[in-house]
Amino acid sequence: MMYPRYKEALAALSLVACVLLAGCGNDYGVDQAGHSVEAKSIDKHWLVINYWADWCGPCRSETPQLNAFASQLPANTRMLGVNFDGLQGEDLSMAVTALGIKFTVLASDPAALYDLPNSEGLPMTFIVDPKGQVRERLKGEQTAAGISQKLAALQSQAGNDKAP
């Protein structure tokens, strides 16, 4: 009788389908260490997205400031890096290590998700609100204090926008 084997095969196929579908909600790919970046960890947060390259002097100079900013983020904010040259895998991991970046660097560029304009130079930092709208475009080297002040002002303004 083939029926029990058919049932086992169907159960196995269902299990495989569930495992494959479990990863479908991940719109952000992987980070510099190859770990999945789940949408729930980013969506509905303020985002500070920094574009950098290992050949960019100002990018190297601002890394300690970005690390300092990332270490004191408000709970509703995420700091993300994106390599301008599109490095992947081991190349991305080595560049992140060489620059001493301590925050999440996405292997996939989220520009299309947030309709980010093309970078005209590096470094380039965008502040995106929880609705996915670009609120600020910061050209050149940034400081932790400068980003914190700009973010606080935008968050305050967004809070005032909700007032009746």
Protein backbone atom coordinates (compact mmCIF):
# COMPACT_ATOMS: atom_id res chain seq x y z
CA MET A 1 0.00 0.00 0.00
CA MET A 2 1.52 3.37 -1.10
CA TYR A 3 -0.76 5.61 0.97
CA PRO A 4 1.46 5.90 4.14
CA ARG A 5 4.51 6.85 2.04
CA TYR A 6 2.48 9.46 0.18
CA LYS A 7 1.40 10.93 3.52
CA GLU A 8 5.03 11.03 4.74
CA ALA A 9 6.22 12.67 1.52
CA LEU A 10 3.45 15.27 1.74
CA ALA A 11 4.35 16.03 5.37
CA ALA A 12 8.04 16.41 4.46
CA LEU A 13 7.18 18.68 1.53
CA SER A 14 4.97 20.81 3.79
CA LEU A 15 7.80 21.15 6.31
CA VAL A 16 10.25 22.24 3.60
CA ALA A 17 7.74 24.78 2.26
CA CYS A 18 7.23 26.25 5.75
CA VAL A 19 10.98 26.60 6.30
CA LEU A 20 11.43 28.32 2.93
CA LEU A 21 8.48 30.64 3.44
CA ALA A 22 9.66 31.63 6.92
CA GLY A 23 12.47 33.65 5.32
CA CYS A 24 10.27 35.42 2.79
CA GLY A 25 9.47 38.36 5.08
CA ASN A 26 13.13 39.35 5.27
CA ASP A 27 13.32 42.37 2.99
CA TYR A 28 16.79 43.45 4.16
CA GLY A 29 18.96 40.46 3.31
CA VAL A 30 22.02 39.87 5.46
CA ASP A 31 24.49 41.99 7.39
CA GLN A 32 28.28 42.07 7.27
CA ALA A 33 28.48 38.84 9.26
CA GLY A 34 26.00 37.00 7.03
CA HIS A 35 23.19 37.17 9.63
CA SER A 36 19.64 37.78 8.43
CA VAL A 37 18.33 41.28 9.08
CA GLU A 38 14.65 40.85 9.84
CA ALA A 39 12.16 43.47 8.75
CA LYS A 40 10.65 43.60 12.25
CA SER A 41 13.98 44.88 13.62
CA ILE A 42 13.98 47.84 11.19
CA ASP A 43 10.45 48.62 10.06
CA LYS A 44 8.58 51.36 11.96
CA HIS A 45 11.82 52.80 13.38
CA TRP A 46 13.70 55.98 12.59
CA LEU A 47 16.66 54.98 10.41
CA VAL A 48 20.03 56.61 10.00
CA ILE A 49 21.50 55.11 6.83
CA ASN A 50 25.13 55.88 6.07
CA TYR A 51 26.76 55.18 2.71
CA TRP A 52 30.51 54.63 2.91
CA ALA A 53 33.48 53.16 1.02
CA ASP A 54 36.81 51.89 2.31
CA TRP A 55 38.69 54.17 -0.15
CA CYS A 56 36.87 57.28 1.13
CA GLY A 57 39.00 59.31 3.59
CA PRO A 58 36.07 61.20 5.19
CA CYS A 59 34.21 57.88 5.56
CA ARG A 60 37.13 56.51 7.54
CA SER A 61 37.32 59.69 9.64
CA GLU A 62 33.62 59.68 10.54
CA THR A 63 33.46 55.98 11.53
CA PRO A 64 34.32 56.59 15.22
CA GLN A 65 31.60 59.28 15.36
CA LEU A 66 29.04 56.95 13.78
CA ASN A 67 30.02 54.18 16.19
CA ALA A 68 29.54 56.60 19.10
CA PHE A 69 26.14 57.64 17.75
CA ALA A 70 25.11 53.99 17.22
CA SER A 71 26.09 53.09 20.78
CA GLN A 72 23.61 55.61 22.24
CA LEU A 73 20.61 55.23 19.92
CA PRO A 74 17.11 55.90 21.20
CA ALA A 75 14.98 52.72 21.28
CA ASN A 76 12.99 53.87 18.23
CA THR A 77 16.07 54.35 16.02
CA ARG A 78 18.37 52.06 14.03
CA MET A 79 21.79 52.85 12.53
CA LEU A 80 22.58 51.11 9.24
CA GLY A 81 25.55 51.23 6.95
CA VAL A 82 25.68 50.48 3.23
CA ASN A 83 28.87 49.97 1.27
CA PHE A 84 28.82 52.29 -1.74
CA ASP A 85 30.73 49.78 -3.89
CA GLY A 86 28.29 46.94 -3.20
CA LEU A 87 30.82 44.68 -1.51
CA GLN A 88 29.41 41.30 -0.51
CA GLY A 89 30.32 38.38 1.72
CA GLU A 90 33.90 38.17 2.92
CA ASP A 91 34.89 41.36 1.07
CA LEU A 92 32.21 43.31 2.95
CA SER A 93 33.15 41.74 6.27
CA MET A 94 36.84 42.60 5.76
CA ALA A 95 36.06 46.22 4.80
CA VAL A 96 33.82 46.64 7.86
CA THR A 97 36.54 45.23 10.10
CA ALA A 98 39.22 47.41 8.48
CA LEU A 99 37.17 50.57 9.10
CA GLY A 100 36.18 49.45 12.62
CA ILE A 101 32.43 49.78 11.95
CA LYS A 102 30.46 48.51 14.95
CA PHE A 103 26.88 48.95 13.68
CA THR A 104 24.87 46.86 11.21
CA VAL A 105 25.99 47.09 7.60
CA LEU A 106 23.50 45.77 5.06
CA ALA A 107 24.85 43.67 2.20
CA SER A 108 21.89 44.77 0.06
CA ASP A 109 21.30 48.43 -0.68
CA PRO A 110 17.89 49.55 0.69
CA ALA A 111 17.75 52.61 -1.63
CA ALA A 112 14.80 51.26 -3.62
CA LEU A 113 12.81 50.52 -0.45
CA TYR A 114 13.06 54.14 0.70
CA ASP A 115 13.34 55.86 -2.67
CA LEU A 116 16.75 57.24 -1.69
CA PRO A 117 18.34 59.53 -4.27
CA ASN A 118 21.67 58.56 -5.79
CA SER A 119 24.63 59.61 -3.69
CA GLU A 120 26.51 62.50 -5.24
CA GLY A 121 29.50 61.97 -3.01
CA LEU A 122 30.65 60.17 0.09
CA PRO A 123 29.98 59.91 2.87
CA MET A 124 26.22 60.37 2.56
CA THR A 125 23.77 59.86 5.41
CA PHE A 126 19.99 59.73 5.22
CA ILE A 127 17.50 59.99 8.05
CA VAL A 128 14.31 58.06 7.30
CA ASP A 129 11.18 58.32 9.45
CA PRO A 130 9.13 55.33 10.69
CA LYS A 131 6.80 55.69 7.68
CA GLY A 132 9.74 55.17 5.31
CA GLN A 133 10.00 58.79 4.18
CA VAL A 134 13.41 60.44 3.75
CA ARG A 135 13.43 63.35 6.17
CA GLU A 136 17.04 64.51 5.84
CA ARG A 137 20.02 64.09 3.53
CA LEU A 138 23.36 64.82 5.20
CA LYS A 139 26.29 65.24 2.82
CA GLY A 140 29.86 64.78 3.98
CA GLU A 141 31.41 63.78 7.26
CA GLN A 142 29.05 63.76 10.26
CA THR A 143 29.51 63.84 14.03
CA ALA A 144 27.57 61.91 16.66
CA ALA A 145 26.37 65.18 18.21
CA GLY A 146 25.29 66.59 14.85
CA ILE A 147 23.27 63.51 13.89
CA SER A 148 21.73 63.33 17.37
CA GLN A 149 20.63 66.97 17.19
CA LYS A 150 19.20 66.60 13.69
CA LEU A 151 17.38 63.38 14.63
CA ALA A 152 15.94 64.92 17.80
CA ALA A 153 14.67 67.94 15.84
CA LEU A 154 13.05 65.73 13.20
CA GLN A 155 11.46 63.49 15.83
CA SER A 156 10.14 66.53 17.68
CA GLN A 157 8.75 67.96 14.46
CA ALA A 158 7.13 64.62 13.60
CA GLY A 159 5.55 64.57 17.07
CA ASN A 160 4.20 68.08 16.51
CA ASP A 161 2.85 67.03 13.11
CA LYS A 162 0.55 64.59 14.90
CA ALA A 163 -0.92 67.26 17.15
CA PRO A 164 -4.53 68.35 16.40
